[in-house]
């Protein structure tokens, strides 16, 4: 039998988890393009609600609006808090949604703010987004380590039960986070520096340290972080293969970093794009993004390459589900 014939059944059985994608950080927009994830067979997605350059007041307002919109469209979407909720969303044919913070500046160096964001549905957090801040270094920063505040933040993230995410974080800070965290650490959307030398990608010792925590690396679907353009399932596969060969399939997942609804200006006043996304690093209008439909194409490609079904199910979502089960507060 042609292996591809089995893909729809395997994919239907899979719990499909996108560890990170993005919507415009703006109140009043129509979020219905999220249906594209649902139609692509994705069961859960973590949606960004703020980066280090977004004021905390804006992050709260975005969260309030996103939560309200999702509740008003509960026929298709479901706010989830636990892994049981994720499974329930799948059984009901709904897209389960939580939120993530790309950085920690919006905490205003107040650990109590983390608890508030957790109560509002944030289940995943970076410490830095590309640039250095009061907690940690960013991947386009000076490679500083954790501050004393950053170390206390690690403990609070562990205590509250959020996924500790080292994507966008600088090398030294990421290694220190993974050294002191008592729970698994993830890279929700990060690719292999061995295949594409880019500051956003992660080195072999970062991969190994992540796995030592019990964590998972989510392969990113943005072209400038892949081996070649354009971004699609085909150009993502080499990074999946590399990670599987290095650390085993149970530590590999997917985090597309897909941007819904392009063309909306959601940046704060006086925003300096070149500071946060240096043009010399390839950021710009020519960037390409692997679409949500890449998930089923990846499943087909992995079957064709001879991957075991249990390993494909893990990569599609069970691995991130496992780590969330070890991390999210009950």
Foldseek 3Di string as FASTA:
>chain_A
DQLLVCLVVLLLPFAFEAEEAEEQLDAPDDPVVCVLLLVLSHQEYAYEQEALQDALVSSVVSLVRVVVNQVVVVLAEDEDFALVRSVVSSVSSHRYYAYEYHACVNVVLPLVVVVVNSVSGYQEYEHHAQADDQAAGFLVYDLDAGDPSNVVNLVSQQVQFHAYAHQRGHDRHLLVSLVPHQAQHEHSEAFECVLPPASRHDYPVSLVSNVVRVAAYAYEQKALRFNHDDGELVRSVVRQVVSCVRRRLLRYAHHHRHYPDPDDDNGDPPDDCCVSPPVVRPDDDPMHTYDSNRLSVNSSVCVVVPDDSVSNSSHSPVSVSVRSNRGHDD
